[in-house]
C-alpha atoms as a PDB file:
ATOM      1  CA  MET A   1      76.418 -60.589  -3.869  1.00  0.00           C
ATOM      2  CA  ILE A   2      72.572 -60.362  -4.041  1.00  0.00           C
ATOM      3  CA  ALA A   3      72.392 -61.237  -0.011  1.00  0.00           C
ATOM      4  CA  LEU A   4      75.121 -58.829   0.466  1.00  0.00           C
ATOM      5  CA  ALA A   5      72.917 -56.153  -0.885  1.00  0.00           C
ATOM      6  CA  ILE A   6      70.142 -57.124   0.821  1.00  0.00           C
ATOM      7  CA  ALA A   7      71.981 -57.501   4.011  1.00  0.00           C
ATOM      8  CA  TYR A   8      73.326 -54.024   3.979  1.00  0.00           C
ATOM      9  CA  PRO A   9      70.305 -51.974   4.878  1.00  0.00           C
ATOM     10  CA  VAL A  10      69.147 -54.363   7.049  1.00  0.00           C
ATOM     11  CA  THR A  11      71.867 -54.513   8.984  1.00  0.00           C
ATOM     12  CA  ALA A  12      72.308 -50.599   8.808  1.00  0.00           C
ATOM     13  CA  HIS A  13      68.997 -50.433  10.139  1.00  0.00           C
ATOM     14  CA  MET A  14      69.352 -52.723  13.130  1.00  0.00           C
ATOM     15  CA  ALA A  15      72.588 -50.522  13.889  1.00  0.00           C
ATOM     16  CA  VAL A  16      70.431 -47.153  14.421  1.00  0.00           C
ATOM     17  CA  ALA A  17      67.435 -49.333  16.328  1.00  0.00           C
ATOM     18  CA  THR A  18      69.978 -50.706  18.491  1.00  0.00           C
ATOM     19  CA  ARG A  19      72.533 -48.128  19.056  1.00  0.00           C
ATOM     20  CA  SER A  20      75.250 -50.829  18.586  1.00  0.00           C
ATOM     21  CA  VAL A  21      78.907 -49.629  17.544  1.00  0.00           C
ATOM     22  CA  ALA A  22      79.503 -53.440  16.683  1.00  0.00           C
ATOM     23  CA  VAL A  23      76.223 -53.667  14.361  1.00  0.00           C
ATOM     24  CA  THR A  24      77.139 -50.391  12.773  1.00  0.00           C
ATOM     25  CA  VAL A  25      80.794 -51.539  12.039  1.00  0.00           C
ATOM     26  CA  ALA A  26      79.245 -55.063  10.923  1.00  0.00           C
ATOM     27  CA  SER A  27      77.286 -53.059   8.031  1.00  0.00           C
ATOM     28  CA  LEU A  28      79.968 -51.544   7.072  1.00  0.00           C
ATOM     29  CA  ALA A  29      82.140 -54.611   6.641  1.00  0.00           C
ATOM     30  CA  VAL A  30      79.267 -55.667   4.550  1.00  0.00           C
ATOM     31  CA  LEU A  31      78.867 -52.899   2.747  1.00  0.00           C
ATOM     32  CA  ALA A  32      82.792 -53.042   1.845  1.00  0.00           C
ATOM     33  CA  SER A  33      82.433 -56.494   0.760  1.00  0.00           C
ATOM     34  CA  LEU A  34      80.266 -55.615  -2.196  1.00  0.00           C
ATOM     35  CA  PRO A  35      82.682 -54.191  -4.666  1.00  0.00           C
ATOM     36  CA  LEU A  36      85.857 -56.010  -2.702  1.00  0.00           C
ATOM     37  CA  LEU A  37      84.420 -59.390  -2.572  1.00  0.00           C
ATOM     38  CA  PRO A  38      84.330 -59.985  -6.457  1.00  0.00           C
ATOM     39  CA  ARG A  39      88.008 -59.001  -6.887  1.00  0.00           C
ATOM     40  CA  LEU A  40      89.078 -61.061  -3.798  1.00  0.00           C
ATOM     41  CA  VAL A  41      87.684 -64.105  -5.290  1.00  0.00           C
ATOM     42  CA  ALA A  42      89.543 -63.306  -8.915  1.00  0.00           C
ATOM     43  CA  ARG A  43      92.659 -62.927  -6.666  1.00  0.00           C
ATOM     44  CA  SER A  44      93.013 -58.883  -7.369  1.00  0.00           C
ATOM     45  CA  VAL A  45      96.178 -58.294  -5.735  1.00  0.00           C
ATOM     46  CA  VAL A  46      94.938 -54.840  -5.271  1.00  0.00           C
ATOM     47  CA  ALA A  47      92.059 -56.066  -3.373  1.00  0.00           C
ATOM     48  CA  TRP A  48      94.276 -57.844  -1.039  1.00  0.00           C
ATOM     49  CA  CYS A  49      96.302 -54.831  -0.416  1.00  0.00           C
ATOM     50  CA  LEU A  50      93.055 -53.119   0.443  1.00  0.00           C
ATOM     51  CA  LEU A  51      91.889 -55.782   2.369  1.00  0.00           C
ATOM     52  CA  PRO A  52      94.262 -54.740   5.765  1.00  0.00           C
ATOM     53  CA  VAL A  53      93.558 -51.311   5.163  1.00  0.00           C
ATOM     54  CA  ILE A  54      89.678 -51.565   4.685  1.00  0.00           C
ATOM     55  CA  VAL A  55      89.917 -53.745   8.253  1.00  0.00           C
ATOM     56  CA  ALA A  56      92.064 -51.135   9.751  1.00  0.00           C
ATOM     57  CA  GLY A  57      89.601 -48.256   8.705  1.00  0.00           C
ATOM     58  CA  LEU A  58      86.489 -50.342  10.396  1.00  0.00           C
ATOM     59  CA  TRP A  59      88.660 -50.904  13.923  1.00  0.00           C
ATOM     60  CA  LEU A  60      89.594 -47.057  14.042  1.00  0.00           C
ATOM     61  CA  LEU A  61      86.216 -46.038  12.928  1.00  0.00           C
ATOM     62  CA  ALA A  62      84.939 -48.406  15.970  1.00  0.00           C
ATOM     63  CA  GLN A  63      86.794 -46.482  18.395  1.00  0.00           C
ATOM     64  CA  SER A  64      85.486 -43.001  17.241  1.00  0.00           C
ATOM     65  CA  GLN A  65      82.276 -41.006  18.307  1.00  0.00           C
ATOM     66  CA  ALA A  66      81.993 -41.154  14.689  1.00  0.00           C
ATOM     67  CA  ALA A  67      80.856 -44.280  13.659  1.00  0.00           C
ATOM     68  CA  TRP A  68      77.541 -43.703  12.657  1.00  0.00           C
ATOM     69  CA  LEU A  69      78.957 -40.633   9.858  1.00  0.00           C
ATOM     70  CA  PRO A  70      79.349 -43.139   7.153  1.00  0.00           C
ATOM     71  CA  LEU A  71      76.039 -44.570   7.255  1.00  0.00           C
ATOM     72  CA  TYR A  72      74.064 -40.960   6.580  1.00  0.00           C
ATOM     73  CA  THR A  73      76.848 -40.602   3.966  1.00  0.00           C
ATOM     74  CA  MET A  74      76.416 -43.495   1.862  1.00  0.00           C
ATOM     75  CA  PRO A  75      72.756 -42.854   0.945  1.00  0.00           C
ATOM     76  CA  VAL A  76      73.650 -39.245   0.395  1.00  0.00           C
ATOM     77  CA  VAL A  77      76.806 -39.966  -2.206  1.00  0.00           C
ATOM     78  CA  VAL A  78      74.948 -43.535  -3.477  1.00  0.00           C
ATOM     79  CA  ASN A  79      72.132 -41.336  -4.907  1.00  0.00           C
ATOM     80  CA  LEU A  80      74.492 -38.392  -5.954  1.00  0.00           C
ATOM     81  CA  PHE A  81      76.831 -40.671  -7.937  1.00  0.00           C
ATOM     82  CA  GLY A  82      73.509 -42.122  -9.572  1.00  0.00           C
ATOM     83  CA  ALA A  83      71.975 -38.900 -10.800  1.00  0.00           C
ATOM     84  CA  TRP A  84      75.092 -38.092 -11.686  1.00  0.00           C
ATOM     85  CA  ILE A  85      75.316 -41.266 -14.449  1.00  0.00           C
ATOM     86  CA  PHE A  86      72.091 -39.933 -15.976  1.00  0.00           C
ATOM     87  CA  GLY A  87      72.821 -36.247 -16.029  1.00  0.00           C
ATOM     88  CA  HIS A  88      76.108 -36.025 -16.991  1.00  0.00           C
ATOM     89  CA  THR A  89      74.961 -37.944 -20.747  1.00  0.00           C
ATOM     90  CA  LEU A  90      72.330 -35.134 -20.888  1.00  0.00           C
ATOM     91  CA  ALA A  91      75.345 -32.506 -21.909  1.00  0.00           C
ATOM     92  CA  PRO A  92      75.849 -30.798 -25.230  1.00  0.00           C
ATOM     93  CA  GLY A  93      77.300 -33.855 -27.799  1.00  0.00           C
ATOM     94  CA  LYS A  94      76.617 -36.747 -25.627  1.00  0.00           C
ATOM     95  CA  MET A  95      73.796 -39.003 -25.803  1.00  0.00           C
ATOM     96  CA  PRO A  96      71.326 -39.625 -22.952  1.00  0.00           C
ATOM     97  CA  LEU A  97      71.538 -42.849 -21.007  1.00  0.00           C
ATOM     98  CA  ILE A  98      68.156 -43.973 -21.427  1.00  0.00           C
ATOM     99  CA  GLU A  99      68.567 -42.950 -25.285  1.00  0.00           C
ATOM    100  CA  ARG A 100      71.714 -44.997 -25.419  1.00  0.00           C
ATOM    101  CA  LEU A 101      69.500 -48.669 -23.773  1.00  0.00           C
ATOM    102  CA  ALA A 102      66.937 -47.843 -26.167  1.00  0.00           C
ATOM    103  CA  ARG A 103      69.257 -47.479 -29.724  1.00  0.00           C
ATOM    104  CA  LEU A 104      70.790 -50.687 -28.139  1.00  0.00           C
ATOM    105  CA  LEU A 105      67.648 -52.660 -27.395  1.00  0.00           C
ATOM    106  CA  HIS A 106      66.277 -51.564 -31.002  1.00  0.00           C
ATOM    107  CA  GLU A 107      69.191 -52.007 -32.438  1.00  0.00           C
ATOM    108  CA  GLU A 108      67.741 -53.822 -35.538  1.00  0.00           C
ATOM    109  CA  ASP A 109      65.116 -51.421 -36.462  1.00  0.00           C
ATOM    110  CA  GLY A 110      66.485 -48.107 -34.808  1.00  0.00           C
ATOM    111  CA  ILE A 111      64.480 -45.741 -32.945  1.00  0.00           C
ATOM    112  CA  THR A 112      61.913 -43.118 -33.557  1.00  0.00           C
ATOM    113  CA  ASP A 113      62.665 -39.259 -33.073  1.00  0.00           C
ATOM    114  CA  GLU A 114      59.724 -39.746 -30.684  1.00  0.00           C
ATOM    115  CA  ILE A 115      61.276 -42.565 -28.796  1.00  0.00           C
ATOM    116  CA  ALA A 116      64.434 -40.624 -28.782  1.00  0.00           C
ATOM    117  CA  ARG A 117      62.776 -37.155 -27.137  1.00  0.00           C
ATOM    118  CA  TYR A 118      61.131 -39.682 -24.833  1.00  0.00           C
ATOM    119  CA  ALA A 119      63.914 -41.345 -23.983  1.00  0.00           C
ATOM    120  CA  ARG A 120      65.732 -37.998 -22.869  1.00  0.00           C
ATOM    121  CA  LYS A 121      63.238 -36.962 -20.862  1.00  0.00           C
ATOM    122  CA  VAL A 122      63.550 -40.230 -18.685  1.00  0.00           C
ATOM    123  CA  THR A 123      67.204 -39.846 -18.105  1.00  0.00           C
ATOM    124  CA  LEU A 124      66.258 -36.218 -16.805  1.00  0.00           C
ATOM    125  CA  MET A 125      63.292 -37.619 -14.857  1.00  0.00           C
ATOM    126  CA  TRP A 126      65.956 -39.868 -13.368  1.00  0.00           C
ATOM    127  CA  ALA A 127      68.834 -37.681 -12.788  1.00  0.00           C
ATOM    128  CA  LEU A 128      66.266 -35.581 -10.661  1.00  0.00           C
ATOM    129  CA  PHE A 129      64.740 -38.015  -8.879  1.00  0.00           C
ATOM    130  CA  LEU A 130      68.145 -39.146  -7.161  1.00  0.00           C
ATOM    131  CA  SER A 131      68.892 -35.760  -6.913  1.00  0.00           C
ATOM    132  CA  GLY A 132      65.928 -34.991  -4.662  1.00  0.00           C
ATOM    133  CA  LEU A 133      66.425 -38.508  -2.778  1.00  0.00           C
ATOM    134  CA  ALA A 134      70.189 -37.545  -1.775  1.00  0.00           C
ATOM    135  CA  VAL A 135      68.549 -34.271  -0.685  1.00  0.00           C
ATOM    136  CA  LEU A 136      66.175 -35.629   1.407  1.00  0.00           C
ATOM    137  CA  ASN A 137      68.592 -38.278   2.973  1.00  0.00           C
ATOM    138  CA  LEU A 138      70.677 -34.844   3.708  1.00  0.00           C
ATOM    139  CA  THR A 139      68.188 -33.210   5.168  1.00  0.00           C
ATOM    140  CA  LEU A 140      67.137 -36.026   7.312  1.00  0.00           C
ATOM    141  CA  ALA A 141      70.489 -37.379   8.762  1.00  0.00           C
ATOM    142  CA  LEU A 142      71.385 -33.669   9.566  1.00  0.00           C
ATOM    143  CA  LEU A 143      67.932 -33.121  11.759  1.00  0.00           C
ATOM    144  CA  ALA A 144      68.120 -36.861  12.816  1.00  0.00           C
ATOM    145  CA  THR A 145      68.255 -37.358  16.815  1.00  0.00           C
ATOM    146  CA  PRO A 146      69.898 -38.802  18.577  1.00  0.00           C
ATOM    147  CA  GLY A 147      73.158 -38.906  17.073  1.00  0.00           C
ATOM    148  CA  GLY A 148      72.452 -36.719  14.236  1.00  0.00           C
ATOM    149  CA  ILE A 149      74.922 -35.108  11.768  1.00  0.00           C
ATOM    150  CA  LEU A 150      74.636 -31.828  13.184  1.00  0.00           C
ATOM    151  CA  LEU A 151      74.171 -33.200  17.068  1.00  0.00           C
ATOM    152  CA  MET A 152      77.500 -34.600  16.139  1.00  0.00           C
ATOM    153  CA  MET A 153      78.828 -31.025  15.154  1.00  0.00           C
ATOM    154  CA  GLY A 154      77.548 -29.780  18.588  1.00  0.00           C
ATOM    155  CA  VAL A 155      74.441 -27.973  16.789  1.00  0.00           C
ATOM    156  CA  GLN A 156      71.209 -28.273  18.174  1.00  0.00           C
ATOM    157  CA  PRO A 157      68.588 -27.991  15.181  1.00  0.00           C
ATOM    158  CA  ILE A 158      65.392 -25.962  15.265  1.00  0.00           C
ATOM    159  CA  VAL A 159      63.489 -29.282  14.266  1.00  0.00           C
ATOM    160  CA  THR A 160      64.572 -32.985  14.428  1.00  0.00           C
ATOM    161  CA  VAL A 161      63.371 -36.156  13.671  1.00  0.00           C
ATOM    162  CA  PRO A 162      63.780 -39.685  15.036  1.00  0.00           C
ATOM    163  CA  VAL A 163      67.068 -41.344  13.586  1.00  0.00           C
ATOM    164  CA  GLU A 164      64.727 -44.209  13.161  1.00  0.00           C
ATOM    165  CA  VAL A 165      62.572 -42.149  10.763  1.00  0.00           C
ATOM    166  CA  TRP A 166      65.921 -41.672   8.969  1.00  0.00           C
ATOM    167  CA  SER A 167      66.828 -44.484   8.328  1.00  0.00           C
ATOM    168  CA  LEU A 168      64.122 -45.711   6.986  1.00  0.00           C
ATOM    169  CA  PHE A 169      63.933 -44.139   4.583  1.00  0.00           C
ATOM    170  CA  ALA A 170      67.739 -44.298   3.564  1.00  0.00           C
ATOM    171  CA  ASN A 171      67.459 -48.256   4.067  1.00  0.00           C
ATOM    172  CA  PHE A 172      63.879 -49.044   2.704  1.00  0.00           C
ATOM    173  CA  ILE A 173      61.592 -46.445   1.417  1.00  0.00           C
ATOM    174  CA  ASP A 174      64.328 -45.080  -0.936  1.00  0.00           C
ATOM    175  CA  TYR A 175      64.456 -48.558  -2.459  1.00  0.00           C
ATOM    176  CA  VAL A 176      60.500 -48.613  -2.560  1.00  0.00           C
ATOM    177  CA  MET A 177      59.692 -45.221  -4.219  1.00  0.00           C
ATOM    178  CA  ALA A 178      62.802 -45.784  -6.982  1.00  0.00           C
ATOM    179  CA  GLY A 179      61.033 -49.178  -7.896  1.00  0.00           C
ATOM    180  CA  LEU A 180      57.775 -48.151  -7.899  1.00  0.00           C
ATOM    181  CA  LEU A 181      59.022 -44.697 -10.188  1.00  0.00           C
ATOM    182  CA  PHE A 182      60.720 -47.769 -12.368  1.00  0.00           C
ATOM    183  CA  LEU A 183      57.234 -49.824 -12.723  1.00  0.00           C
ATOM    184  CA  ALA A 184      55.443 -47.070 -13.119  1.00  0.00           C
ATOM    185  CA  GLU A 185      57.850 -45.367 -16.384  1.00  0.00           C
ATOM    186  CA  TYR A 186      58.133 -49.418 -17.854  1.00  0.00           C
ATOM    187  CA  ALA A 187      53.602 -49.594 -17.676  1.00  0.00           C
ATOM    188  CA  TRP A 188      53.766 -45.808 -19.545  1.00  0.00           C
ATOM    189  CA  ARG A 189      56.183 -46.665 -21.778  1.00  0.00           C
ATOM    190  CA  ARG A 190      54.607 -50.145 -23.079  1.00  0.00           C
ATOM    191  CA  ARG A 191      51.302 -47.850 -23.807  1.00  0.00           C
ATOM    192  CA  LYS A 192      52.805 -45.514 -25.116  1.00  0.00           C
ATOM    193  CA  PHE A 193      54.944 -47.778 -27.235  1.00  0.00           C
ATOM    194  CA  PRO A 194      53.341 -51.067 -27.502  1.00  0.00           C
ATOM    195  CA  GLN A 195      55.828 -51.944 -30.174  1.00  0.00           C
ATOM    196  CA  GLN A 196      58.965 -53.285 -28.137  1.00  0.00           C
ATOM    197  CA  PRO A 197      61.706 -55.940 -28.897  1.00  0.00           C
ATOM    198  CA  TYR A 198      60.988 -57.113 -25.090  1.00  0.00           C
ATOM    199  CA  ARG A 199      57.999 -59.262 -24.160  1.00  0.00           C
ATOM    200  CA  ASN A 200      57.630 -58.319 -20.606  1.00  0.00           C
ATOM    201  CA  LEU A 201      59.330 -56.321 -17.644  1.00  0.00           C
ATOM    202  CA  PHE A 202      61.465 -59.649 -17.329  1.00  0.00           C
ATOM    203  CA  ASP A 203      62.578 -59.999 -20.746  1.00  0.00           C
ATOM    204  CA  PHE A 204      63.158 -55.970 -20.824  1.00  0.00           C
ATOM    205  CA  ILE A 205      65.435 -56.587 -17.328  1.00  0.00           C
ATOM    206  CA  ASN A 206      67.199 -59.241 -18.497  1.00  0.00           C
ATOM    207  CA  GLN A 207      68.104 -57.442 -22.171  1.00  0.00           C
ATOM    208  CA  ALA A 208      69.303 -54.608 -20.211  1.00  0.00           C
ATOM    209  CA  ARG A 209      71.390 -56.397 -18.157  1.00  0.00           C
ATOM    210  CA  ARG A 210      73.000 -57.726 -21.171  1.00  0.00           C
ATOM    211  CA  VAL A 211      74.002 -54.568 -22.858  1.00  0.00           C
ATOM    212  CA  GLY A 212      74.442 -52.577 -19.440  1.00  0.00           C
ATOM    213  CA  HIS A 213      78.495 -52.604 -20.052  1.00  0.00           C
ATOM    214  CA  ARG A 214      77.760 -51.014 -23.932  1.00  0.00           C
ATOM    215  CA  VAL A 215      75.159 -48.707 -22.655  1.00  0.00           C
ATOM    216  CA  LEU A 216      77.629 -46.857 -19.999  1.00  0.00           C
ATOM    217  CA  GLY A 217      80.326 -47.018 -22.304  1.00  0.00           C
ATOM    218  CA  GLU A 218      78.871 -45.866 -25.533  1.00  0.00           C
ATOM    219  CA  ARG A 219      78.765 -42.023 -26.872  1.00  0.00           C
ATOM    220  CA  ARG A 220      76.907 -40.605 -29.277  1.00  0.00           C
ATOM    221  CA  PRO A 221      79.264 -40.671 -32.898  1.00  0.00           C
END
């Protein structure tokens, strides 16, 4: 799964660089494999029924003039979905996502009101950051040339950017920016709240991974 996750942005950028429909379809096949493969291995009947449908969809896409369109839409959809995961937990009556995580990691001692307020701010920060990435990716996809969304619609944008620039942002720079923000927030958190239930960054990631399903499923009492 890690190999597939790494392979998708690489093959997607190769598809843009080579202008190859075959590589484009291959990159989309890699993307489809990410959610599908574990279920195929688990012998899910639904997954095995979906497999020929996905293969047929990829074949039809290869015959169309819009084979690149899914490459443009995925970075926008993924970032918007991530923004929603964080943002919808800020609604009244719900517990902010990062606060849920903090409470689970500090389960024995609990958290202070200061930590809870900080966790809400971090949840908002991630929601806004991912929303911003979605807007940036959509803007670049609209203005990309050749083969950008506006050009595919027959509209000549006043300003254009090379499609390779869009691809670098969508497939690489997005992840770098998210990683840098994660590291910066972690460093600031360790300075602001030195007493933590984890020893270092790797211990924090490991503990967060273990309680991840509870973070996504928990609700405020």
